[in-house]
Amino acid sequence: MVKIGNDWDDIIGGEFEKEYYLKLREYLKTEYSSQRIFPDMYDIFNALKLTPYSAVKAVILGQDPYHEPGQAHGLSFSVRDGTALPPSLKNIYKELEDDIGIPAAKSGDLTPWAKQGVLLMNAVLTVRQGQANSHKGMGWEIFTDEVIKKLNMRDTPIAFILWGANARSKKAYITNPIHGIFESAHPSPLSAYSGFFGSRVFSRVNKFLIENEIPPIDWRVEK
């Protein structure tokens, strides 16, 4: 039985006993014992561990973890301190600077965002080394859909940030009109110029939060 260590245990704990998750668990046992899988098995649920259900102000949905050594640590778009910044994260930092003037950080560790209530969750929580989307369709999507459904039930507004088609597919589960949806192209170099750059998502999210009497997010990674 997985233990998150905060209120997510009561909100989502029942998923770990369902048939789809038990099948996924057996699959992951085999994968971790026979392949190089990211993130480390103890980091899989870091997004939920760092951002309790009751603390979520915003959600940034990614596709699946980075698939090269030293990168993934359980938070979407984030890499461990000291790791070279992936192209998508560089573009996120560029938009952040253009939007609200925060200079690009040297660190790619977005833990400070998570601790302020930004749920940095991928749709699929594990991946094989060098094989993007290799764990797609194995059950993680059912789990993360359920996370979104539970957040949709919150009676406090949440800003859902949906970058790219994969994240936008979760929009169907965001039906509560109190929530804000902020969608654009993905920050990947392949699509960033198709609507991500210039989206001013960071200032718009903070405006939404302030309008709903929720403290805004300090988007600085390095203080």
Protein backbone atom coordinates (compact mmCIF):
# COMPACT_ATOMS: atom_id res chain seq x y z
CA MET A 1 0.00 0.00 0.00
CA VAL A 2 1.43 3.36 -1.05
CA LYS A 3 1.59 6.05 1.64
CA ILE A 4 1.82 9.66 0.46
CA GLY A 5 2.03 11.09 3.98
CA ASN A 6 -0.57 13.84 3.77
CA ASP A 7 -4.28 14.31 2.97
CA TRP A 8 -3.84 12.66 -0.44
CA ASP A 9 -3.88 9.32 1.43
CA ASP A 10 -7.57 9.79 2.25
CA ILE A 11 -8.43 11.40 -1.09
CA ILE A 12 -6.69 8.99 -3.47
CA GLY A 13 -5.62 6.03 -1.31
CA GLY A 14 -8.39 3.78 -2.57
CA GLU A 15 -6.86 3.79 -6.06
CA PHE A 16 -3.94 1.70 -4.83
CA GLU A 17 -6.29 -1.21 -4.10
CA LYS A 18 -8.02 -1.21 -7.50
CA GLU A 19 -7.36 -3.89 -10.09
CA TYR A 20 -5.78 -1.54 -12.65
CA TYR A 21 -3.25 -0.28 -10.09
CA LEU A 22 -2.38 -3.75 -8.83
CA LYS A 23 -1.63 -4.75 -12.44
CA LEU A 24 0.44 -1.59 -12.90
CA ARG A 25 2.33 -2.36 -9.69
CA GLU A 26 3.28 -5.83 -10.92
CA TYR A 27 4.38 -4.38 -14.26
CA LEU A 28 6.54 -1.79 -12.48
CA LYS A 29 8.15 -4.44 -10.27
CA THR A 30 9.33 -6.21 -13.41
CA GLU A 31 10.41 -2.98 -15.10
CA TYR A 32 12.43 -1.69 -12.16
CA SER A 33 14.16 -5.04 -11.74
CA SER A 34 15.03 -5.50 -15.41
CA GLN A 35 15.32 -1.99 -16.93
CA ARG A 36 16.64 1.46 -15.99
CA ILE A 37 13.48 3.30 -14.98
CA PHE A 38 13.02 6.96 -14.02
CA PRO A 39 12.42 8.44 -11.59
CA ASP A 40 13.81 6.43 -8.68
CA MET A 41 10.97 4.35 -7.26
CA TYR A 42 11.02 6.41 -4.05
CA ASP A 43 10.44 9.61 -6.06
CA ILE A 44 7.44 8.46 -8.12
CA PHE A 45 4.86 10.27 -5.97
CA ASN A 46 6.92 13.37 -5.10
CA ALA A 47 4.37 15.72 -6.70
CA LEU A 48 1.66 14.51 -4.31
CA LYS A 49 4.03 14.33 -1.34
CA LEU A 50 5.22 17.94 -1.76
CA THR A 51 1.81 19.45 -2.55
CA PRO A 52 -1.03 18.24 -0.30
CA TYR A 53 -4.55 18.15 -1.75
CA SER A 54 -5.73 20.99 0.48
CA ALA A 55 -2.75 23.17 -0.52
CA VAL A 56 -3.11 22.96 -4.33
CA LYS A 57 -3.40 26.41 -5.94
CA ALA A 58 -2.32 25.47 -9.44
CA VAL A 59 -1.61 22.35 -11.49
CA ILE A 60 1.02 22.06 -14.23
CA LEU A 61 0.49 18.85 -16.16
CA GLY A 62 3.35 17.20 -18.00
CA GLN A 63 3.38 14.13 -20.25
CA ASP A 64 5.84 11.69 -18.68
CA PRO A 65 9.16 11.99 -16.81
CA TYR A 66 12.44 13.00 -18.41
CA HIS A 67 14.11 9.81 -19.61
CA GLU A 68 17.84 10.51 -19.24
CA PRO A 69 19.94 9.86 -16.11
CA GLY A 70 19.95 12.48 -13.35
CA GLN A 71 16.88 14.36 -14.60
CA ALA A 72 13.51 13.06 -13.36
CA HIS A 73 12.67 13.32 -9.66
CA GLY A 74 8.89 13.10 -9.63
CA LEU A 75 7.93 16.68 -10.56
CA SER A 76 6.79 17.61 -14.08
CA PHE A 77 9.29 19.75 -16.04
CA SER A 78 11.67 19.81 -13.03
CA VAL A 79 15.20 18.41 -12.85
CA ARG A 80 17.50 17.94 -9.91
CA ASP A 81 19.79 20.77 -8.90
CA GLY A 82 23.03 20.71 -10.87
CA THR A 83 21.45 19.05 -13.90
CA ALA A 84 21.54 20.83 -17.27
CA LEU A 85 18.23 22.51 -18.07
CA PRO A 86 16.14 20.60 -20.64
CA PRO A 87 14.89 22.64 -23.63
CA SER A 88 11.26 22.82 -22.43
CA LEU A 89 12.34 24.15 -19.03
CA LYS A 90 14.59 26.75 -20.69
CA ASN A 91 11.54 27.94 -22.62
CA ILE A 92 9.43 28.02 -19.43
CA TYR A 93 12.10 30.24 -17.85
CA LYS A 94 12.19 32.45 -20.97
CA GLU A 95 8.43 33.02 -20.81
CA LEU A 96 8.67 33.63 -17.06
CA GLU A 97 11.25 36.37 -17.65
CA ASP A 98 9.31 37.92 -20.55
CA ASP A 99 6.07 37.79 -18.53
CA ILE A 100 7.03 38.98 -15.05
CA GLY A 101 10.73 39.80 -15.26
CA ILE A 102 12.17 36.91 -13.26
CA PRO A 103 15.61 36.09 -14.71
CA ALA A 104 16.20 32.51 -15.82
CA ALA A 105 17.36 30.38 -12.91
CA LYS A 106 20.47 28.22 -13.10
CA SER A 107 18.67 25.53 -11.09
CA GLY A 108 15.98 23.44 -12.74
CA ASP A 109 14.59 22.16 -9.45
CA LEU A 110 11.00 23.41 -9.23
CA THR A 111 10.49 22.19 -5.65
CA PRO A 112 9.91 25.80 -4.46
CA TRP A 113 6.83 25.92 -6.72
CA ALA A 114 5.56 22.59 -5.39
CA LYS A 115 5.92 23.76 -1.80
CA GLN A 116 3.77 26.81 -2.60
CA GLY A 117 0.89 24.76 -3.95
CA VAL A 118 1.79 24.10 -7.58
CA LEU A 119 1.09 20.42 -8.27
CA LEU A 120 3.74 19.42 -10.81
CA MET A 121 2.30 16.16 -12.07
CA ASN A 122 2.89 14.12 -15.20
CA ALA A 123 0.09 12.14 -16.83
CA VAL A 124 2.37 9.07 -16.70
CA LEU A 125 4.65 8.83 -13.66
CA THR A 126 7.43 6.48 -14.85
CA VAL A 127 9.50 5.89 -18.00
CA ARG A 128 12.30 3.68 -19.35
CA GLN A 129 15.69 5.27 -19.92
CA GLY A 130 15.88 6.77 -23.39
CA GLN A 131 12.34 5.76 -24.32
CA ALA A 132 9.83 8.61 -24.03
CA ASN A 133 6.25 7.45 -23.45
CA SER A 134 7.41 3.85 -22.87
CA HIS A 135 5.02 3.43 -19.91
CA LYS A 136 2.09 5.03 -21.69
CA GLY A 137 -1.12 3.00 -21.52
CA MET A 138 -0.04 0.82 -18.59
CA GLY A 139 -2.45 2.36 -16.07
CA TRP A 140 -0.92 5.59 -14.90
CA GLU A 141 -3.40 7.65 -16.94
CA ILE A 142 -6.30 6.15 -14.97
CA PHE A 143 -4.61 7.18 -11.73
CA THR A 144 -3.78 10.73 -12.81
CA ASP A 145 -7.25 11.21 -14.30
CA GLU A 146 -8.59 10.38 -10.85
CA VAL A 147 -6.29 12.97 -9.27
CA ILE A 148 -7.71 15.62 -11.63
CA LYS A 149 -11.28 14.52 -10.89
CA LYS A 150 -10.65 14.83 -7.15
CA LEU A 151 -9.14 18.30 -7.60
CA ASN A 152 -12.13 19.30 -9.72
CA MET A 153 -14.32 18.58 -6.67
CA ARG A 154 -12.48 21.12 -4.54
CA ASP A 155 -14.58 24.07 -3.39
CA THR A 156 -11.55 26.39 -3.56
CA PRO A 157 -10.52 27.65 -7.02
CA ILE A 158 -7.52 26.03 -8.71
CA ALA A 159 -5.61 27.25 -11.79
CA PHE A 160 -5.14 24.35 -14.21
CA ILE A 161 -2.22 25.00 -16.58
CA LEU A 162 -2.49 22.80 -19.67
CA TRP A 163 0.43 22.93 -22.08
CA GLY A 164 0.10 20.87 -25.26
CA ALA A 165 -2.37 18.27 -26.51
CA ASN A 166 -1.54 15.65 -23.89
CA ALA A 167 -2.32 17.98 -20.99
CA ARG A 168 -5.32 19.46 -22.76
CA SER A 169 -6.87 15.99 -22.94
CA LYS A 170 -7.41 16.25 -19.16
CA LYS A 171 -9.64 19.30 -19.68
CA ALA A 172 -12.69 17.02 -19.92
CA TYR A 173 -12.36 16.33 -16.18
CA ILE A 174 -12.25 20.02 -15.19
CA THR A 175 -15.97 20.83 -15.11
CA ASN A 176 -16.31 22.86 -11.91
CA PRO A 177 -16.82 26.50 -13.02
CA ILE A 178 -14.90 27.95 -10.05
CA HIS A 179 -11.61 26.69 -11.51
CA GLY A 180 -9.50 28.51 -14.07
CA ILE A 181 -8.11 26.80 -17.18
CA PHE A 182 -4.99 28.24 -18.81
CA GLU A 183 -4.05 26.40 -21.99
CA SER A 184 -1.50 26.93 -24.71
CA ALA A 185 1.00 25.13 -26.89
CA HIS A 186 3.65 23.01 -25.16
CA PRO A 187 6.92 24.74 -24.15
CA SER A 188 8.91 22.24 -26.23
CA PRO A 189 11.12 23.88 -28.91
CA LEU A 190 8.90 22.14 -31.47
CA SER A 191 5.81 24.08 -30.44
CA ALA A 192 6.75 26.97 -28.12
CA TYR A 193 6.44 29.53 -30.92
CA SER A 194 2.90 28.30 -31.67
CA GLY A 195 1.34 29.99 -28.67
CA PHE A 196 3.38 29.21 -25.57
CA PHE A 197 5.65 32.23 -25.91
CA GLY A 198 3.59 35.32 -25.21
CA SER A 199 0.91 33.43 -23.30
CA ARG A 200 1.81 35.33 -20.08
CA VAL A 201 0.54 32.36 -18.10
CA PHE A 202 2.40 33.19 -14.89
CA SER A 203 0.95 36.67 -14.45
CA ARG A 204 -2.51 35.47 -15.55
CA VAL A 205 -2.51 32.65 -12.99
CA ASN A 206 -1.51 35.04 -10.21
CA LYS A 207 -4.23 37.48 -11.29
CA PHE A 208 -6.75 34.63 -11.09
CA LEU A 209 -5.55 33.65 -7.62
CA ILE A 210 -5.62 37.21 -6.31
CA GLU A 211 -9.13 37.73 -7.70
CA ASN A 212 -10.18 34.66 -5.72
CA GLU A 213 -8.47 35.94 -2.55
CA ILE A 214 -5.76 33.29 -2.73
CA PRO A 215 -2.12 34.33 -2.15
CA PRO A 216 -0.26 34.48 -5.48
CA ILE A 217 2.66 32.23 -6.32
CA ASP A 218 6.23 33.48 -6.05
CA TRP A 219 7.54 32.01 -9.31
CA ARG A 220 11.19 32.48 -8.39
CA VAL A 221 13.13 29.23 -8.17
CA GLU A 222 16.23 30.81 -6.70
CA LYS A 223 15.76 33.35 -3.89
